[in-house]
Amino acid sequence: MFKLEPRVEFSPMISFLGPLFSIALTMIFGGILFFFLGVDPVAAIKMIFWDPLMSETFAEYSRPQILIKAAPLILIALGLSLGFKANIWNIGAEGQYIMGAIFGATFALSLYPSESVFIFPAMIIAGIIGGSIWAMIPAMLKVKFKVNEILVSLMLVYVAEQILALASLGFLRNPDGAGFPGSRNLNDYPSASNLELINGTGIHLGVLISLLMVIFFYILLFRHSLGFKIKLIGHSPKAYAFSGDSPNKMVVICLLVSGGLAGLAGLFEVAGPAGQITIDFNVGYGFTAIIVAFLGRLNPVGIFLAGIIMALTYVGGELTQFMLNLPAAAIQVFQGMLLFFLLSFDLFVNYKLKFLKD
């Protein structure tokens, strides 16, 4: 028999190197998986991590796509990192992402075909409100009734998915779409279309906002009193109690911010790359962002780098599916391995096995 005991001392350098070891182990075991699927593991790993950045054939298209796919991951992970630092566990960012998209698209399409420079800024506000409202449900239940926010936020993802289906088949369905599910394409509605910053690349305003948010959150966490309080309540709730602030206040702040950013990510996605509300609009960004947050060590700069790496697996995964006939599920397993190895590494960095005598 054995049990886990907290380590009295551990090396910060080893903890810092955890993500690199996790990536290396993911490559090794991912390569084994690809081998058993009948795909050359070296070619698959190269196509995931190297070709989207360096290949003359793919890089011109893939590099902008990496930034586009990284933007929602970074936005959502930044919001989640605040709560995770404070031991407030919002696992339902996927639902908040969906609701942000629905709120923003509903506002824009309710004004169709009116044109105004104020429509898109108002859509951004609507998207933030949509995500925030969905995050406030677990926040209020936790504050008022001590209900576990993990369960509530996660279950609300499935409710949001049903609302998404209702919107696609009902109140947002394109009246000119010959009965097919899905809303009008917002890219065909100039006032509601996400601003493309670099012509021909697809790089949109959301990419710029995500980069600015990295800077903002770095300042918030390391140069502002709120960031100090967030870290304090996570490390020592008893010490935080001496600050005079209510822990419930921090629950509301962290869930409000994380929900708002997830909703903002959903709005930028529906008004840009996705273009419309459809039944399969959500592609798992809200769940993948959890991996990004932990891979980035809940640090804004680390989250930016982790978002780029995870986006690289998305773009590279699409290439392997097209070029090597690798199943999409294999790429999802590959991404899951990354979180598994990271959490396993952290477990043994912070705890040690102690064998018990019979």
Protein backbone atom coordinates (compact mmCIF):
# COMPACT_ATOMS: atom_id res chain seq x y z
CA MET A 1 0.00 0.00 0.00
CA PHE A 2 1.09 3.57 -0.56
CA LYS A 3 -0.18 7.13 -0.26
CA LEU A 4 0.69 10.51 -1.70
CA GLU A 5 2.43 13.00 0.58
CA PRO A 6 3.06 16.67 -0.24
CA ARG A 7 6.70 17.42 -0.89
CA VAL A 8 8.28 19.81 1.60
CA GLU A 9 10.61 21.15 -1.08
CA PHE A 10 10.55 20.95 -4.86
CA SER A 11 12.57 22.56 -7.61
CA PRO A 12 10.87 25.51 -9.37
CA MET A 13 13.05 24.79 -12.40
CA ILE A 14 11.67 21.26 -12.71
CA SER A 15 8.14 22.64 -12.45
CA PHE A 16 8.95 25.21 -15.13
CA LEU A 17 10.25 22.49 -17.46
CA GLY A 18 7.09 20.41 -16.98
CA PRO A 19 5.35 21.62 -20.15
CA LEU A 20 8.42 20.82 -22.26
CA PHE A 21 8.65 17.29 -20.85
CA SER A 22 4.90 16.88 -21.39
CA ILE A 23 5.19 17.92 -25.04
CA ALA A 24 8.10 15.51 -25.54
CA LEU A 25 6.19 12.61 -23.97
CA THR A 26 3.12 13.46 -26.05
CA MET A 27 5.24 13.28 -29.19
CA ILE A 28 6.64 9.88 -28.17
CA PHE A 29 3.36 8.23 -27.17
CA GLY A 30 1.47 10.04 -29.93
CA GLY A 31 3.96 8.60 -32.39
CA ILE A 32 3.27 5.12 -31.02
CA LEU A 33 -0.46 5.71 -31.48
CA PHE A 34 0.06 6.86 -35.07
CA PHE A 35 2.22 3.79 -35.76
CA PHE A 36 -0.57 1.42 -34.67
CA LEU A 37 -2.98 3.38 -36.87
CA GLY A 38 -0.76 2.58 -39.84
CA VAL A 39 0.70 6.07 -40.24
CA ASP A 40 4.41 6.92 -40.30
CA PRO A 41 4.88 8.46 -36.81
CA VAL A 42 7.84 10.64 -37.81
CA ALA A 43 5.95 12.04 -40.80
CA ALA A 44 2.85 12.67 -38.66
CA ILE A 45 4.74 14.47 -35.86
CA LYS A 46 6.65 16.52 -38.45
CA MET A 47 3.43 17.48 -40.19
CA ILE A 48 1.82 18.54 -36.90
CA PHE A 49 4.67 20.62 -35.44
CA TRP A 50 6.99 21.53 -38.31
CA ASP A 51 5.22 21.80 -41.64
CA PRO A 52 2.62 24.45 -40.64
CA LEU A 53 5.46 26.80 -39.68
CA MET A 54 8.33 25.93 -42.00
CA SER A 55 7.08 24.03 -45.05
CA GLU A 56 7.12 26.04 -48.27
CA THR A 57 4.01 24.17 -49.37
CA PHE A 58 1.82 24.80 -46.31
CA ALA A 59 3.32 27.65 -44.27
CA GLU A 60 1.86 30.54 -46.26
CA TYR A 61 -1.66 29.33 -45.47
CA SER A 62 -0.96 27.73 -42.09
CA ARG A 63 0.81 30.57 -40.26
CA PRO A 64 -2.18 32.95 -40.29
CA GLN A 65 -4.45 30.02 -39.39
CA ILE A 66 -2.37 29.29 -36.31
CA LEU A 67 -2.97 32.84 -35.03
CA ILE A 68 -6.67 32.64 -35.91
CA LYS A 69 -7.16 29.37 -34.02
CA ALA A 70 -4.95 30.49 -31.13
CA ALA A 71 -6.96 33.68 -30.50
CA PRO A 72 -10.09 32.07 -28.93
CA LEU A 73 -7.94 29.61 -26.98
CA ILE A 74 -5.87 32.45 -25.52
CA LEU A 75 -8.89 34.60 -24.67
CA ILE A 76 -10.73 31.77 -22.93
CA ALA A 77 -7.62 30.44 -21.14
CA LEU A 78 -6.76 33.90 -19.78
CA GLY A 79 -10.18 34.16 -18.18
CA LEU A 80 -10.01 30.63 -16.80
CA SER A 81 -6.55 31.24 -15.34
CA LEU A 82 -7.89 33.88 -12.94
CA GLY A 83 -10.36 31.45 -11.42
CA PHE A 84 -7.93 28.53 -11.40
CA LYS A 85 -5.42 30.64 -9.49
CA ALA A 86 -8.12 31.37 -6.91
CA ASN A 87 -9.30 27.71 -6.80
CA ILE A 88 -12.52 28.66 -8.59
CA TRP A 89 -13.08 26.03 -11.25
CA ASN A 90 -15.01 27.15 -14.29
CA ILE A 91 -15.14 24.02 -16.47
CA GLY A 92 -18.04 25.27 -18.59
CA ALA A 93 -16.32 27.86 -20.77
CA GLU A 94 -17.56 25.96 -23.83
CA GLY A 95 -21.14 26.87 -22.92
CA GLN A 96 -20.20 30.49 -22.28
CA TYR A 97 -18.42 30.56 -25.65
CA ILE A 98 -21.61 29.29 -27.34
CA MET A 99 -23.85 31.79 -25.56
CA GLY A 100 -21.57 34.69 -26.46
CA ALA A 101 -21.84 33.72 -30.11
CA ILE A 102 -25.63 33.35 -29.92
CA PHE A 103 -26.14 36.70 -28.16
CA GLY A 104 -23.89 38.55 -30.62
CA ALA A 105 -25.37 36.90 -33.72
CA THR A 106 -28.94 37.39 -32.49
CA PHE A 107 -28.35 41.10 -31.95
CA ALA A 108 -26.84 41.55 -35.42
CA LEU A 109 -29.43 39.48 -37.28
CA SER A 110 -32.30 41.23 -35.53
CA LEU A 111 -31.13 44.42 -37.30
CA TYR A 112 -30.51 42.80 -40.71
CA PRO A 113 -30.16 44.33 -43.31
CA SER A 114 -29.58 47.69 -41.58
CA GLU A 115 -26.08 49.12 -41.88
CA SER A 116 -24.30 51.02 -39.12
CA VAL A 117 -20.76 51.37 -37.79
CA PHE A 118 -22.16 50.77 -34.29
CA ILE A 119 -23.49 47.26 -34.98
CA PHE A 120 -20.23 45.36 -34.60
CA PRO A 121 -19.13 47.17 -31.38
CA ALA A 122 -22.60 46.44 -29.97
CA MET A 123 -22.18 42.79 -30.99
CA ILE A 124 -18.95 42.65 -28.98
CA ILE A 125 -20.80 43.94 -25.91
CA ALA A 126 -23.64 41.45 -26.51
CA GLY A 127 -21.15 38.59 -26.78
CA ILE A 128 -19.50 39.53 -23.49
CA ILE A 129 -22.91 39.84 -21.82
CA GLY A 130 -24.00 36.43 -23.14
CA GLY A 131 -20.92 34.66 -21.78
CA SER A 132 -21.09 36.55 -18.48
CA ILE A 133 -24.75 35.71 -17.89
CA TRP A 134 -24.05 32.02 -18.44
CA ALA A 135 -21.11 32.16 -16.01
CA MET A 136 -23.17 33.99 -13.39
CA ILE A 137 -25.48 31.00 -12.98
CA PRO A 138 -22.81 28.81 -11.31
CA ALA A 139 -21.44 31.91 -9.55
CA MET A 140 -24.77 32.74 -7.91
CA LEU A 141 -25.49 29.11 -7.04
CA LYS A 142 -22.08 28.82 -5.39
CA VAL A 143 -22.41 32.10 -3.49
CA LYS A 144 -26.01 31.58 -2.34
CA PHE A 145 -26.24 27.80 -1.92
CA LYS A 146 -22.61 26.57 -1.93
CA VAL A 147 -23.27 24.48 -5.05
CA ASN A 148 -20.13 23.12 -6.71
CA GLU A 149 -19.29 25.38 -9.67
CA ILE A 150 -17.55 22.53 -11.53
CA LEU A 151 -20.75 20.51 -11.89
CA VAL A 152 -23.03 23.45 -12.66
CA SER A 153 -20.76 25.09 -15.24
CA LEU A 154 -20.17 21.74 -16.95
CA MET A 155 -23.85 20.80 -17.10
CA LEU A 156 -24.69 24.22 -18.53
CA VAL A 157 -22.52 23.36 -21.56
CA TYR A 158 -25.13 20.79 -22.61
CA VAL A 159 -27.94 23.29 -22.04
CA ALA A 160 -26.08 25.80 -24.24
CA GLU A 161 -25.68 23.16 -26.95
CA GLN A 162 -29.44 22.61 -26.97
CA ILE A 163 -30.02 26.37 -27.26
CA LEU A 164 -27.52 26.38 -30.13
CA ALA A 165 -29.53 23.67 -31.89
CA LEU A 166 -32.73 25.62 -31.23
CA ALA A 167 -31.18 28.77 -32.71
CA SER A 168 -29.91 26.90 -35.78
CA LEU A 169 -33.23 25.21 -36.44
CA GLY A 170 -35.52 27.92 -35.14
CA PHE A 171 -35.26 31.56 -34.26
CA LEU A 172 -31.97 32.25 -36.13
CA ARG A 173 -32.49 29.96 -39.13
CA ASN A 174 -31.84 31.68 -42.43
CA PRO A 175 -35.24 32.35 -44.09
CA ASP A 176 -33.47 32.24 -47.46
CA GLY A 177 -31.61 29.02 -46.65
CA ALA A 178 -34.04 26.60 -48.31
CA GLY A 179 -34.90 25.08 -44.95
CA PHE A 180 -31.34 24.05 -44.07
CA PRO A 181 -30.29 24.63 -40.43
CA GLY A 182 -28.07 27.60 -39.69
CA SER A 183 -28.27 31.37 -39.59
CA ARG A 184 -27.45 33.89 -42.27
CA ASN A 185 -23.74 34.21 -42.93
CA LEU A 186 -22.49 37.23 -41.02
CA ASN A 187 -19.57 37.57 -43.43
CA ASP A 188 -22.15 38.62 -46.03
CA TYR A 189 -23.46 41.33 -43.68
CA PRO A 190 -20.77 44.07 -43.74
CA SER A 191 -21.80 45.79 -40.50
CA ALA A 192 -21.72 42.51 -38.57
CA SER A 193 -18.59 41.02 -40.12
CA ASN A 194 -15.43 40.67 -38.03
CA LEU A 195 -12.81 43.17 -39.20
CA GLU A 196 -10.01 41.54 -41.18
CA LEU A 197 -6.77 43.29 -40.21
CA ILE A 198 -4.53 41.89 -42.96
CA ASN A 199 -6.21 41.37 -46.31
CA GLY A 200 -6.22 37.84 -47.63
CA THR A 201 -5.01 36.23 -44.38
CA GLY A 202 -8.21 35.98 -42.35
CA ILE A 203 -6.42 37.51 -39.35
CA HIS A 204 -9.20 39.43 -37.62
CA LEU A 205 -9.76 41.86 -34.77
CA GLY A 206 -10.06 39.00 -32.27
CA VAL A 207 -6.40 38.09 -32.86
CA LEU A 208 -5.31 41.62 -31.94
CA ILE A 209 -7.61 41.70 -28.90
CA SER A 210 -6.19 38.39 -27.64
CA LEU A 211 -2.66 39.79 -27.83
CA LEU A 212 -3.71 42.94 -25.96
CA MET A 213 -5.44 40.81 -23.32
CA VAL A 214 -2.18 38.94 -22.68
CA ILE A 215 -0.53 42.26 -21.80
CA PHE A 216 -3.53 43.41 -19.75
CA PHE A 217 -3.69 40.20 -17.72
CA TYR A 218 0.05 40.25 -17.08
CA ILE A 219 -0.29 43.73 -15.60
CA LEU A 220 -3.39 42.67 -13.66
CA LEU A 221 -1.74 39.63 -12.09
CA PHE A 222 1.67 41.05 -11.34
CA ARG A 223 1.16 44.81 -10.99
CA HIS A 224 -2.33 45.22 -9.52
CA SER A 225 -3.82 44.55 -6.09
CA LEU A 226 -6.62 42.43 -7.56
CA GLY A 227 -4.08 40.04 -9.03
CA PHE A 228 -2.39 39.78 -5.64
CA LYS A 229 -5.72 38.98 -3.96
CA ILE A 230 -6.52 36.33 -6.57
CA LYS A 231 -3.21 34.59 -5.95
CA LEU A 232 -3.57 35.00 -2.19
CA ILE A 233 -6.99 33.35 -1.94
CA GLY A 234 -5.69 30.47 -4.02
CA HIS A 235 -2.62 29.91 -1.86
CA SER A 236 -4.08 30.72 1.55
CA PRO A 237 -7.82 31.37 2.01
CA LYS A 238 -7.21 32.02 5.73
CA ALA A 239 -4.70 34.77 4.95
CA TYR A 240 -7.10 36.24 2.39
CA ALA A 241 -9.78 36.48 5.09
CA PHE A 242 -7.64 39.10 6.88
CA SER A 243 -7.88 41.40 3.83
CA GLY A 244 -11.49 42.17 4.71
CA ASP A 245 -12.83 41.15 1.29
CA SER A 246 -15.50 38.49 0.96
CA PRO A 247 -14.48 35.24 -0.79
CA ASN A 248 -17.87 35.34 -2.53
CA LYS A 249 -16.84 38.59 -4.20
CA MET A 250 -13.84 36.83 -5.73
CA VAL A 251 -16.06 33.98 -6.96
CA VAL A 252 -18.27 36.47 -8.79
CA ILE A 253 -15.33 38.44 -10.24
CA CYS A 254 -13.46 35.38 -11.52
CA LEU A 255 -16.50 33.72 -13.08
CA LEU A 256 -17.73 37.01 -14.53
CA VAL A 257 -14.37 37.70 -16.21
CA SER A 258 -13.89 34.14 -17.48
CA GLY A 259 -17.44 34.00 -18.83
CA GLY A 260 -17.13 37.39 -20.49
CA LEU A 261 -13.90 36.45 -22.25
CA ALA A 262 -15.33 33.11 -23.38
CA GLY A 263 -18.37 34.95 -24.76
CA LEU A 264 -16.07 37.43 -26.51
CA ALA A 265 -14.16 34.55 -28.11
CA GLY A 266 -17.44 33.07 -29.33
CA LEU A 267 -18.51 36.39 -30.83
CA PHE A 268 -15.26 36.85 -32.73
CA GLU A 269 -15.52 33.29 -34.03
CA VAL A 270 -19.13 33.53 -35.24
CA ALA A 271 -18.51 36.92 -36.87
CA GLY A 272 -15.28 35.76 -38.49
CA PRO A 273 -13.98 32.25 -39.24
CA ALA A 274 -17.27 30.40 -38.61
CA GLY A 275 -19.46 33.13 -40.10
CA GLN A 276 -22.77 31.74 -38.88
CA ILE A 277 -24.61 29.94 -36.11
CA THR A 278 -24.87 26.24 -36.93
CA ILE A 279 -25.59 23.08 -34.95
CA ASP A 280 -21.88 22.18 -34.96
CA PHE A 281 -20.61 25.73 -34.33
CA ASN A 282 -18.75 24.79 -31.16
CA VAL A 283 -15.56 22.87 -31.82
CA GLY A 284 -14.34 22.37 -28.25
CA TYR A 285 -12.34 25.58 -27.78
CA GLY A 286 -13.77 25.99 -24.27
CA PHE A 287 -12.48 22.58 -23.18
CA THR A 288 -9.16 22.84 -25.04
CA ALA A 289 -8.55 26.20 -23.33
CA ILE A 290 -8.29 24.31 -20.02
CA ILE A 291 -5.26 22.49 -21.45
CA VAL A 292 -3.87 25.82 -22.66
CA ALA A 293 -4.29 27.41 -19.22
CA PHE A 294 -2.42 24.62 -17.43
CA LEU A 295 0.17 24.18 -20.16
CA GLY A 296 0.89 27.91 -19.81
CA ARG A 297 1.23 27.54 -16.03
CA LEU A 298 -1.66 30.04 -15.54
CA ASN A 299 0.77 32.77 -16.61
CA PRO A 300 -0.41 35.15 -19.38
CA VAL A 301 2.83 34.87 -21.35
CA GLY A 302 2.84 31.10 -20.92
CA ILE A 303 -0.81 30.96 -22.02
CA PHE A 304 0.07 32.86 -25.18
CA LEU A 305 2.81 30.35 -26.03
CA ALA A 306 0.61 27.40 -25.08
CA GLY A 307 -2.20 28.78 -27.24
CA ILE A 308 0.15 28.91 -30.22
CA ILE A 309 1.30 25.33 -29.57
CA MET A 310 -2.25 24.04 -29.23
CA ALA A 311 -3.34 25.92 -32.37
CA LEU A 312 -0.37 24.31 -34.11
CA THR A 313 -1.78 20.88 -33.23
CA TYR A 314 -5.15 21.94 -34.69
CA VAL A 315 -3.67 23.16 -37.98
CA GLY A 316 -1.11 20.36 -38.17
CA GLY A 317 -3.81 17.85 -37.27
CA GLU A 318 -5.93 19.04 -40.18
CA LEU A 319 -2.94 18.57 -42.47
CA THR A 320 -2.36 15.01 -41.26
CA GLN A 321 -6.03 14.19 -41.77
CA PHE A 322 -5.86 15.48 -45.35
CA MET A 323 -2.40 14.27 -46.32
CA LEU A 324 -1.99 11.08 -44.25
CA ASN A 325 -5.64 10.05 -43.74
CA LEU A 326 -5.23 10.21 -39.98
CA PRO A 327 -8.59 10.06 -38.13
CA ALA A 328 -9.76 13.27 -36.44
CA ALA A 329 -10.26 11.30 -33.21
CA ALA A 330 -6.55 10.46 -33.16
CA ILE A 331 -5.69 14.17 -33.05
CA GLN A 332 -8.11 14.66 -30.16
CA VAL A 333 -6.43 11.81 -28.29
CA PHE A 334 -3.07 13.40 -29.08
CA GLN A 335 -4.22 16.69 -27.54
CA GLY A 336 -5.64 14.86 -24.54
CA MET A 337 -2.29 13.16 -23.97
CA LEU A 338 -0.73 16.58 -23.54
CA LEU A 339 -3.01 17.42 -20.60
CA PHE A 340 -2.61 13.92 -19.12
CA PHE A 341 1.19 14.09 -19.09
CA LEU A 342 1.19 17.65 -17.82
CA LEU A 343 -1.08 16.86 -14.87
CA SER A 344 0.82 13.64 -14.15
CA PHE A 345 4.10 15.53 -14.13
CA ASP A 346 2.68 18.18 -11.79
CA LEU A 347 1.36 15.48 -9.45
CA PHE A 348 4.81 14.01 -8.90
CA VAL A 349 6.46 17.42 -8.70
CA ASN A 350 4.21 18.40 -5.79
CA TYR A 351 3.71 14.97 -4.17
CA LYS A 352 5.78 11.90 -3.45
CA LEU A 353 4.82 8.27 -3.03
CA LYS A 354 5.14 6.91 0.47
CA PHE A 355 4.88 3.14 0.85
CA LEU A 356 3.01 1.98 3.93
CA LYS A 357 4.00 -1.03 5.98
CA ASP A 358 1.42 -3.76 6.35
